[in-house]
Amino acid sequence: HAAEEVLADRAVVLALVSQNGECLAHAPEELREDREVVLEAVRQTWRALPLASAGPRGDAAIVVEACRQNCVALRHAAPA
């Protein structure tokens, strides 16, 4: 399936989440675990935090970035 191939490309997903962080929801699990991809998504919108895998949701820098935008994001943080 062409869309799956496109979304498996890290560079494409980075470009997408930099424009719309909520695109992270459509990324494969391995990219939702990727710190750089998740941080870029969260920089665009704190709403990307719950779309990430547990590992990045426990990353202090990612959680702080999300909380800078809205403290509600803290509810979606995972234990470090």
N, C-alpha and C. Protein backbone atom coordinates (compact mmCIF):
# COMPACT_ATOMS: atom_id res chain seq x y z
N HIS A 1 0.85 -1.18 0.00
CA HIS A 1 0.00 0.00 0.00
C HIS A 1 0.89 1.24 0.00
N ALA A 2 0.68 2.15 -0.91
CA ALA A 2 1.55 3.30 -1.11
C ALA A 2 1.60 4.21 0.12
N ALA A 3 0.47 4.45 0.76
CA ALA A 3 0.45 5.34 1.93
C ALA A 3 1.31 4.77 3.06
N GLU A 4 1.27 3.47 3.25
CA GLU A 4 2.08 2.84 4.30
C GLU A 4 3.56 3.01 4.01
N GLU A 5 3.94 2.90 2.74
CA GLU A 5 5.33 3.08 2.36
C GLU A 5 5.78 4.51 2.62
N VAL A 6 4.94 5.46 2.30
CA VAL A 6 5.27 6.87 2.51
C VAL A 6 5.41 7.15 4.00
N LEU A 7 4.49 6.64 4.81
CA LEU A 7 4.53 6.89 6.24
C LEU A 7 5.63 6.12 6.95
N ALA A 8 6.23 5.16 6.30
CA ALA A 8 7.36 4.44 6.87
C ALA A 8 8.66 5.20 6.67
N ASP A 9 8.63 6.23 5.85
CA ASP A 9 9.83 7.03 5.55
C ASP A 9 9.99 8.10 6.64
N ARG A 10 11.05 7.98 7.42
CA ARG A 10 11.27 8.88 8.55
C ARG A 10 11.30 10.35 8.12
N ALA A 11 11.96 10.65 7.01
CA ALA A 11 12.06 12.04 6.54
C ALA A 11 10.69 12.60 6.19
N VAL A 12 9.85 11.77 5.59
CA VAL A 12 8.50 12.21 5.23
C VAL A 12 7.69 12.49 6.50
N VAL A 13 7.78 11.58 7.46
CA VAL A 13 7.03 11.76 8.72
C VAL A 13 7.52 12.99 9.46
N LEU A 14 8.83 13.22 9.49
CA LEU A 14 9.36 14.44 10.13
C LEU A 14 8.78 15.70 9.47
N ALA A 15 8.73 15.69 8.15
CA ALA A 15 8.17 16.84 7.44
C ALA A 15 6.68 17.02 7.75
N LEU A 16 5.95 15.91 7.81
CA LEU A 16 4.52 15.98 8.10
C LEU A 16 4.26 16.50 9.51
N VAL A 17 4.94 15.93 10.50
CA VAL A 17 4.67 16.34 11.88
C VAL A 17 5.15 17.76 12.16
N SER A 18 6.09 18.26 11.37
CA SER A 18 6.53 19.64 11.57
C SER A 18 5.45 20.62 11.11
N GLN A 19 4.56 20.15 10.25
CA GLN A 19 3.43 20.97 9.79
C GLN A 19 2.16 20.71 10.60
N ASN A 20 1.99 19.46 11.01
CA ASN A 20 0.80 19.05 11.79
C ASN A 20 1.22 17.91 12.71
N GLY A 21 1.48 18.24 13.96
CA GLY A 21 1.95 17.25 14.92
C GLY A 21 1.03 16.07 15.10
N GLU A 22 -0.25 16.27 14.86
CA GLU A 22 -1.20 15.19 15.04
C GLU A 22 -1.09 14.12 13.94
N CYS A 23 -0.30 14.39 12.91
CA CYS A 23 -0.01 13.35 11.90
C CYS A 23 0.74 12.18 12.53
N LEU A 24 1.31 12.40 13.69
CA LEU A 24 2.01 11.33 14.39
C LEU A 24 1.11 10.12 14.59
N ALA A 25 -0.18 10.34 14.68
CA ALA A 25 -1.14 9.25 14.87
C ALA A 25 -1.09 8.23 13.73
N HIS A 26 -0.66 8.66 12.56
CA HIS A 26 -0.64 7.77 11.40
C HIS A 26 0.73 7.16 11.13
N ALA A 27 1.70 7.54 11.94
CA ALA A 27 3.06 7.02 11.77
C ALA A 27 3.14 5.60 12.34
N PRO A 28 4.02 4.78 11.80
CA PRO A 28 4.21 3.44 12.36
C PRO A 28 4.79 3.53 13.77
N GLU A 29 4.58 2.49 14.54
CA GLU A 29 5.02 2.46 15.94
C GLU A 29 6.49 2.84 16.10
N GLU A 30 7.34 2.34 15.22
CA GLU A 30 8.78 2.63 15.36
C GLU A 30 9.07 4.12 15.27
N LEU A 31 8.27 4.88 14.52
CA LEU A 31 8.48 6.32 14.43
C LEU A 31 7.79 7.05 15.57
N ARG A 32 6.78 6.46 16.17
CA ARG A 32 6.16 7.05 17.36
C ARG A 32 7.03 6.81 18.59
N GLU A 33 8.06 5.99 18.42
CA GLU A 33 9.06 5.76 19.48
C GLU A 33 10.31 6.62 19.25
N ASP A 34 10.42 7.23 18.09
CA ASP A 34 11.60 8.00 17.70
C ASP A 34 11.57 9.37 18.39
N ARG A 35 12.58 9.62 19.23
CA ARG A 35 12.61 10.85 20.03
C ARG A 35 12.53 12.10 19.16
N GLU A 36 13.31 12.15 18.09
CA GLU A 36 13.34 13.35 17.24
C GLU A 36 11.99 13.59 16.57
N VAL A 37 11.37 12.52 16.08
CA VAL A 37 10.06 12.65 15.42
C VAL A 37 9.02 13.15 16.42
N VAL A 38 9.00 12.54 17.61
CA VAL A 38 8.01 12.93 18.62
C VAL A 38 8.26 14.37 19.09
N LEU A 39 9.52 14.73 19.32
CA LEU A 39 9.81 16.10 19.76
C LEU A 39 9.36 17.11 18.71
N GLU A 40 9.59 16.82 17.45
CA GLU A 40 9.14 17.72 16.39
C GLU A 40 7.62 17.84 16.38
N ALA A 41 6.94 16.72 16.55
CA ALA A 41 5.47 16.73 16.58
C ALA A 41 4.96 17.56 17.76
N VAL A 42 5.58 17.37 18.92
CA VAL A 42 5.15 18.09 20.13
C VAL A 42 5.48 19.58 20.03
N ARG A 43 6.55 19.91 19.34
CA ARG A 43 6.85 21.33 19.11
C ARG A 43 5.73 21.99 18.31
N GLN A 44 5.13 21.23 17.43
CA GLN A 44 4.05 21.76 16.60
C GLN A 44 2.75 21.84 17.41
N THR A 45 2.48 20.81 18.22
CA THR A 45 1.29 20.82 19.08
C THR A 45 1.45 19.85 20.23
N TRP A 46 1.10 20.30 21.42
CA TRP A 46 1.18 19.44 22.59
C TRP A 46 0.27 18.22 22.44
N ARG A 47 -0.73 18.32 21.60
CA ARG A 47 -1.70 17.22 21.42
C ARG A 47 -1.06 15.98 20.80
N ALA A 48 0.16 16.11 20.32
CA ALA A 48 0.87 14.96 19.77
C ALA A 48 1.41 14.05 20.88
N LEU A 49 1.55 14.57 22.09
CA LEU A 49 2.15 13.78 23.16
C LEU A 49 1.43 12.45 23.41
N PRO A 50 0.11 12.43 23.54
CA PRO A 50 -0.54 11.13 23.77
C PRO A 50 -0.49 10.18 22.57
N LEU A 51 -0.08 10.68 21.43
CA LEU A 51 0.01 9.84 20.23
C LEU A 51 1.34 9.10 20.17
N ALA A 52 2.29 9.54 20.99
CA ALA A 52 3.63 8.94 21.02
C ALA A 52 3.61 7.65 21.84
N SER A 53 4.64 6.85 21.64
CA SER A 53 4.82 5.65 22.44
C SER A 53 5.24 6.06 23.85
N ALA A 54 5.20 5.10 24.77
CA ALA A 54 5.50 5.39 26.17
C ALA A 54 6.90 5.94 26.39
N GLY A 55 7.89 5.45 25.66
CA GLY A 55 9.26 5.92 25.85
C GLY A 55 9.40 7.42 25.71
N PRO A 56 9.01 7.99 24.58
CA PRO A 56 9.10 9.45 24.43
C PRO A 56 8.19 10.22 25.39
N ARG A 57 7.08 9.62 25.79
CA ARG A 57 6.20 10.30 26.74
C ARG A 57 6.83 10.38 28.13
N GLY A 58 7.91 9.61 28.36
CA GLY A 58 8.65 9.68 29.61
C GLY A 58 9.91 10.53 29.50
N ASP A 59 10.14 11.11 28.34
CA ASP A 59 11.33 11.94 28.11
C ASP A 59 11.04 13.35 28.63
N ALA A 60 11.83 13.79 29.60
CA ALA A 60 11.59 15.09 30.24
C ALA A 60 11.54 16.25 29.26
N ALA A 61 12.44 16.28 28.29
CA ALA A 61 12.48 17.40 27.33
C ALA A 61 11.20 17.44 26.49
N ILE A 62 10.70 16.29 26.11
CA ILE A 62 9.47 16.23 25.31
C ILE A 62 8.27 16.67 26.15
N VAL A 63 8.20 16.18 27.38
CA VAL A 63 7.08 16.55 28.26
C VAL A 63 7.11 18.04 28.57
N VAL A 64 8.30 18.59 28.84
CA VAL A 64 8.41 20.02 29.12
C VAL A 64 7.96 20.83 27.92
N GLU A 65 8.36 20.43 26.73
CA GLU A 65 7.95 21.14 25.51
C GLU A 65 6.42 21.14 25.38
N ALA A 66 5.80 20.00 25.63
CA ALA A 66 4.34 19.92 25.55
C ALA A 66 3.69 20.79 26.62
N CYS A 67 4.23 20.76 27.83
CA CYS A 67 3.65 21.53 28.93
C CYS A 67 3.84 23.03 28.77
N ARG A 68 4.84 23.44 28.00
CA ARG A 68 5.00 24.87 27.70
C ARG A 68 3.78 25.40 26.97
N GLN A 69 3.18 24.53 26.18
CA GLN A 69 2.01 24.93 25.40
C GLN A 69 0.72 24.79 26.20
N ASN A 70 0.64 23.71 26.98
CA ASN A 70 -0.58 23.47 27.76
C ASN A 70 -0.25 22.47 28.86
N CYS A 71 -0.47 22.87 30.10
CA CYS A 71 -0.13 22.00 31.23
C CYS A 71 -0.97 20.73 31.27
N VAL A 72 -2.06 20.68 30.54
CA VAL A 72 -2.88 19.47 30.45
C VAL A 72 -2.06 18.32 29.88
N ALA A 73 -1.04 18.63 29.11
CA ALA A 73 -0.18 17.61 28.51
C ALA A 73 0.45 16.71 29.55
N LEU A 74 0.64 17.21 30.75
CA LEU A 74 1.26 16.42 31.81
C LEU A 74 0.47 15.15 32.09
N ARG A 75 -0.81 15.19 31.85
CA ARG A 75 -1.67 13.99 32.05
C ARG A 75 -1.25 12.85 31.12
N HIS A 76 -0.60 13.17 30.03
CA HIS A 76 -0.24 12.17 29.03
C HIS A 76 1.21 11.70 29.15
N ALA A 77 1.93 12.24 30.12
CA ALA A 77 3.32 11.85 30.32
C ALA A 77 3.37 10.44 30.88
N ALA A 78 4.42 9.73 30.56
CA ALA A 78 4.65 8.38 31.08
C ALA A 78 5.77 8.45 32.11
N PRO A 79 5.79 7.52 33.05
CA PRO A 79 6.90 7.51 34.01
C PRO A 79 8.23 7.34 33.27
N ALA A 80 9.22 8.05 33.74
CA ALA A 80 10.55 7.98 33.10
C ALA A 80 11.26 6.69 33.43
